[in-house]
Protein backbone atom coordinates (compact mmCIF):
# COMPACT_ATOMS: atom_id res chain seq x y z
CA MET A 1 -6.64 -11.18 -3.96
CA TRP A 2 -4.53 -8.50 -5.57
CA ARG A 3 -1.67 -9.18 -7.91
CA ARG A 4 1.15 -10.30 -5.69
CA VAL A 5 4.54 -8.65 -5.99
CA ALA A 6 7.44 -10.97 -5.17
CA SER A 7 10.92 -9.68 -4.43
CA VAL A 8 14.41 -11.08 -4.87
CA SER A 9 16.00 -7.87 -3.56
CA HIS A 10 14.94 -4.41 -2.43
CA LEU A 11 15.58 -3.04 -5.90
CA THR A 12 14.38 -5.87 -8.12
CA PHE A 13 10.85 -7.05 -8.77
CA ALA A 14 10.00 -10.52 -9.97
CA GLN A 15 7.38 -10.90 -12.69
CA LYS A 16 3.94 -9.99 -11.33
CA SER A 17 1.31 -12.69 -11.42
CA ILE A 18 -1.76 -12.07 -13.53
CA VAL A 19 -3.76 -14.94 -12.09
CA ASN A 20 -7.29 -13.85 -11.17
CA LYS A 21 -6.58 -10.35 -12.45
CA ASP A 22 -10.08 -9.83 -13.82
CA VAL A 23 -11.66 -11.14 -10.63
CA CYS A 24 -9.59 -8.71 -8.55
CA LYS A 25 -10.53 -5.80 -10.80
CA LEU A 26 -14.24 -6.59 -10.56
CA LYS A 27 -14.04 -6.94 -6.78
CA PHE A 28 -12.45 -3.52 -6.47
CA TRP A 29 -14.99 -1.90 -8.78
CA GLU A 30 -17.84 -3.43 -6.81
CA ALA A 31 -16.50 -1.68 -3.71
CA PHE A 32 -16.95 1.68 -5.43
CA SER A 33 -19.79 1.37 -7.90
CA THR A 34 -22.84 -0.68 -8.70
CA GLY A 35 -22.70 0.37 -12.35
CA ILE A 36 -20.60 -0.69 -15.33
CA PRO A 37 -16.92 0.21 -14.85
CA ARG A 38 -16.11 3.37 -16.78
CA LYS A 39 -13.93 6.44 -16.62
CA GLU A 40 -15.69 9.68 -15.75
CA LYS A 41 -14.38 13.06 -14.78
CA GLY A 42 -13.95 13.28 -11.03
CA THR A 43 -14.38 9.54 -10.51
CA PHE A 44 -12.03 6.61 -10.21
CA GLN A 45 -10.55 5.29 -13.49
CA ARG A 46 -12.54 2.08 -13.55
CA ASP A 47 -11.18 1.06 -16.94
CA LYS A 48 -7.76 0.38 -15.39
CA THR A 49 -6.62 -2.01 -12.70
CA PRO A 50 -5.94 0.10 -9.56
CA PHE A 51 -2.34 0.24 -8.37
CA ILE A 52 -2.09 0.84 -4.62
CA THR A 53 1.10 1.50 -2.68
CA PHE A 54 1.10 1.62 1.11
CA VAL A 55 3.81 3.93 2.50
CA LEU A 56 4.85 3.04 6.04
CA GLY A 57 7.32 4.52 8.52
CA GLY A 58 7.37 6.31 11.83
CA PRO A 59 6.61 10.02 12.31
CA GLY A 60 9.46 11.99 10.78
CA SER A 61 10.76 9.12 8.64
CA GLY A 62 10.34 11.20 5.48
CA LYS A 63 7.33 9.43 3.97
CA GLY A 64 5.56 12.58 2.86
CA THR A 65 8.62 14.12 1.21
CA GLN A 66 9.33 10.97 -0.78
CA CYS A 67 5.67 10.68 -1.78
CA MET A 68 5.89 14.18 -3.30
CA LYS A 69 8.76 13.02 -5.52
CA ILE A 70 6.88 9.87 -6.57
CA VAL A 71 3.88 12.01 -7.49
CA GLU A 72 6.11 14.36 -9.48
CA ASN A 73 7.82 11.58 -11.43
CA PHE A 74 5.11 8.94 -11.81
CA GLY A 75 1.77 10.74 -11.54
CA PHE A 76 0.40 9.02 -8.44
CA THR A 77 -2.36 10.48 -6.29
CA HIS A 78 -0.99 10.98 -2.78
CA LEU A 79 -3.41 10.24 0.04
CA SER A 80 -1.93 11.05 3.44
CA ALA A 81 -3.93 9.34 6.18
CA GLY A 82 -2.71 11.96 8.65
CA ASP A 83 -3.77 14.87 6.43
CA ILE A 84 -7.16 13.27 5.80
CA LEU A 85 -7.74 12.91 9.53
CA ARG A 86 -6.57 16.47 10.21
CA ARG A 87 -9.02 17.81 7.61
CA GLU A 88 -11.80 15.95 9.38
CA ILE A 89 -10.69 17.56 12.65
CA ALA A 90 -10.77 21.00 11.02
CA SER A 91 -14.36 20.37 9.86
CA ASN A 92 -15.47 20.44 13.53
CA SER A 93 -17.60 17.36 13.00
CA ALA A 94 -18.34 14.88 15.78
CA ASP A 95 -15.93 12.47 14.13
CA GLY A 96 -13.32 15.22 14.00
CA THR A 97 -13.59 15.84 17.74
CA MET A 98 -13.17 12.14 18.45
CA ILE A 99 -10.19 11.95 16.10
CA LEU A 100 -8.52 14.91 17.83
CA ASP A 101 -8.91 13.37 21.28
CA THR A 102 -7.55 10.06 19.98
CA ILE A 103 -4.48 11.67 18.35
CA LYS A 104 -3.68 13.65 21.51
CA GLU A 105 -3.48 10.36 23.36
CA GLY A 106 -1.15 8.97 20.70
CA LYS A 107 -3.68 6.25 19.94
CA ILE A 108 -4.94 4.81 16.64
CA VAL A 109 -8.11 6.29 15.16
CA PRO A 110 -10.84 3.61 14.69
CA SER A 111 -9.99 1.65 11.57
CA GLU A 112 -13.44 1.72 9.95
CA LEU A 113 -13.55 5.53 10.11
CA THR A 114 -10.06 5.96 8.65
CA VAL A 115 -10.71 3.50 5.82
CA LYS A 116 -14.00 5.12 4.89
CA LEU A 117 -12.34 8.54 4.74
CA ILE A 118 -9.62 7.09 2.50
CA GLN A 119 -12.26 5.38 0.36
CA LYS A 120 -14.05 8.70 -0.10
CA GLU A 121 -10.82 10.28 -1.38
CA MET A 122 -10.21 7.39 -3.78
CA GLU A 123 -13.75 7.55 -5.13
CA SER A 124 -13.37 11.26 -5.92
CA SER A 125 -10.08 10.77 -7.79
CA ASP A 126 -9.69 10.52 -11.57
CA ASN A 127 -6.47 8.53 -11.13
CA TYR A 128 -5.81 4.79 -10.79
CA LYS A 129 -2.41 5.03 -9.04
CA PHE A 130 -2.52 5.71 -5.31
CA LEU A 131 0.07 6.30 -2.61
CA ILE A 132 -1.59 5.75 0.76
CA ASP A 133 0.80 7.39 3.18
CA GLY A 134 0.91 6.52 6.89
CA PHE A 135 -1.52 3.62 6.57
CA PRO A 136 -2.16 0.93 7.74
CA ARG A 137 -0.88 1.74 11.21
CA SER A 138 -2.04 -1.51 12.78
CA GLU A 139 -3.18 -5.00 11.88
CA ASP A 140 -6.73 -3.85 12.55
CA ASN A 141 -6.23 -1.06 9.97
CA ARG A 142 -4.93 -3.58 7.46
CA ILE A 143 -7.80 -5.99 7.91
CA ALA A 144 -10.40 -3.20 7.76
CA PHE A 145 -8.92 -1.95 4.48
CA GLU A 146 -9.09 -5.39 2.90
CA GLN A 147 -12.66 -5.91 4.07
CA ILE A 148 -14.05 -2.48 3.16
CA ILE A 149 -12.08 -1.77 -0.03
CA GLY A 150 -11.84 -5.41 -1.07
CA ALA A 151 -8.20 -5.11 -2.15
CA GLU A 152 -4.60 -5.50 -1.03
CA PRO A 153 -1.71 -3.17 -1.93
CA ASP A 154 0.51 -3.96 -4.90
CA ILE A 155 3.63 -2.92 -3.03
CA VAL A 156 4.48 -1.60 0.44
CA LEU A 157 7.30 0.86 1.14
CA PHE A 158 8.78 0.95 4.64
CA PHE A 159 10.98 3.93 5.48
CA ASP A 160 13.30 2.63 8.19
CA CYS A 161 14.63 5.46 10.36
CA PRO A 162 16.19 5.51 13.87
CA GLU A 163 13.91 6.81 16.60
CA ASP A 164 16.23 9.64 17.66
CA GLU A 165 16.42 10.89 14.06
CA MET A 166 12.63 10.81 13.70
CA MET A 167 12.23 12.73 16.96
CA LYS A 168 14.69 15.40 15.79
CA ARG A 169 12.99 15.80 12.41
CA VAL A 170 9.49 16.14 13.83
CA LEU A 171 10.54 18.74 16.41
CA ASN A 172 12.43 20.73 13.77
CA ARG A 173 9.72 20.84 11.11
CA ASN A 174 7.60 23.28 13.17
CA GLN A 175 4.42 22.88 11.15
CA GLY A 176 2.13 23.83 14.01
CA ARG A 177 0.42 20.45 13.90
CA VAL A 178 -1.47 19.19 16.92
CA ASP A 179 0.72 16.07 17.03
CA ASP A 180 4.09 17.86 16.69
CA ASN A 181 4.99 18.20 20.35
CA ILE A 182 7.44 16.09 22.33
CA ASP A 183 4.91 14.29 24.54
CA THR A 184 2.66 13.31 21.64
CA ILE A 185 5.66 12.30 19.51
CA LYS A 186 6.91 9.95 22.23
CA LYS A 187 3.45 8.37 22.45
CA ARG A 188 3.25 8.04 18.66
CA LEU A 189 6.65 6.36 18.46
CA LYS A 190 5.67 3.92 21.19
CA VAL A 191 2.41 3.08 19.41
CA PHE A 192 4.26 2.76 16.09
CA SER A 193 6.68 0.22 17.51
CA ALA A 194 3.92 -1.81 19.12
CA LEU A 195 1.33 -1.77 16.33
CA ASN A 196 2.94 -0.85 13.00
CA LEU A 197 5.90 -3.22 13.03
CA PRO A 198 3.63 -6.32 12.94
CA VAL A 199 2.14 -4.86 9.73
CA VAL A 200 5.64 -4.45 8.33
CA LYS A 201 6.39 -8.07 9.19
CA TYR A 202 3.13 -9.24 7.58
CA TYR A 203 3.91 -7.64 4.22
CA LEU A 204 7.53 -8.76 4.38
CA GLU A 205 6.37 -12.35 4.69
CA ARG A 206 4.02 -11.85 1.72
CA GLY A 207 6.84 -10.58 -0.48
CA LYS A 208 5.35 -7.10 -0.86
CA LEU A 209 7.60 -5.05 1.43
CA TYR A 210 10.49 -2.87 0.26
CA LYS A 211 12.63 -1.51 3.06
CA ILE A 212 14.15 1.93 2.44
CA ASN A 213 17.05 3.29 4.47
CA ALA A 214 15.54 6.64 5.47
CA VAL A 215 18.77 8.24 6.70
CA GLY A 216 20.46 10.66 4.31
CA THR A 217 19.49 13.51 2.01
CA VAL A 218 16.14 13.54 0.22
CA ASP A 219 17.84 12.70 -3.08
CA GLU A 220 19.94 9.91 -1.57
CA ILE A 221 16.83 8.27 -0.16
CA TYR A 222 14.90 8.74 -3.41
CA LYS A 223 17.62 6.88 -5.32
CA GLN A 224 16.38 3.77 -3.48
CA VAL A 225 12.74 4.53 -4.27
CA TYR A 226 12.85 5.50 -7.94
CA PRO A 227 13.84 2.07 -9.40
CA LEU A 228 10.94 0.37 -7.62
CA PHE A 229 8.42 2.39 -9.64
CA ALA A 230 10.46 2.80 -12.81
CA GLN A 231 10.33 -0.95 -13.44
CA PHE A 232 6.54 -0.78 -13.84
CA ASN A 233 6.94 1.55 -16.83
CA PHE A 234 4.39 4.07 -15.54
CA GLU A 235 3.90 7.00 -17.84
CA GLN A 236 6.29 9.71 -16.70
CA VAL A 237 4.84 13.15 -15.99
């Protein structure tokens, strides 16, 4: 199990447990390498305990924008599940075609495929701090991540935003994405409510969830986010 983060409020962390820390570290390394843990250029920093943050919220809740600010201030590697899947679509692979058809239906891409694509990105990174944005989107996603990666997140951010506000934001961003049309957005919001909220509840019960009010300006929202990471004394960039 990963180091558990307990919470007494949305802005205050309790002391993190270090029980079984070495066991957790070894388990994570074994998921990536059969060799001795070491830091190499272009590979995961295996001399440090990985710090994983899941970033949850509906489409248009502002997850990506806030992740950019976390990266800027704390040096995390930002892995957007949506961007990773869209790159696979652009590759014109068989998996990409299947992913495209699944997204058009507003459904969840098979968990094993998504996790393995995320794992590939993590393996190629020279960082140890990860923001995994838009994942897990279902309990099946969550379980697959734990089984394949062999780890749980340190903390989980949930950007709580009203549905009408999310709809407005997605329609206004005009990024030309395959999933930025009103029919697909409605399907995505319906799937989010049905499948993602149980994940939110799961991490809330485990003391790892931090709920962020996602209504307001970018800076107003980030004022809620910044203290959560600042308390870990990450090296500022």
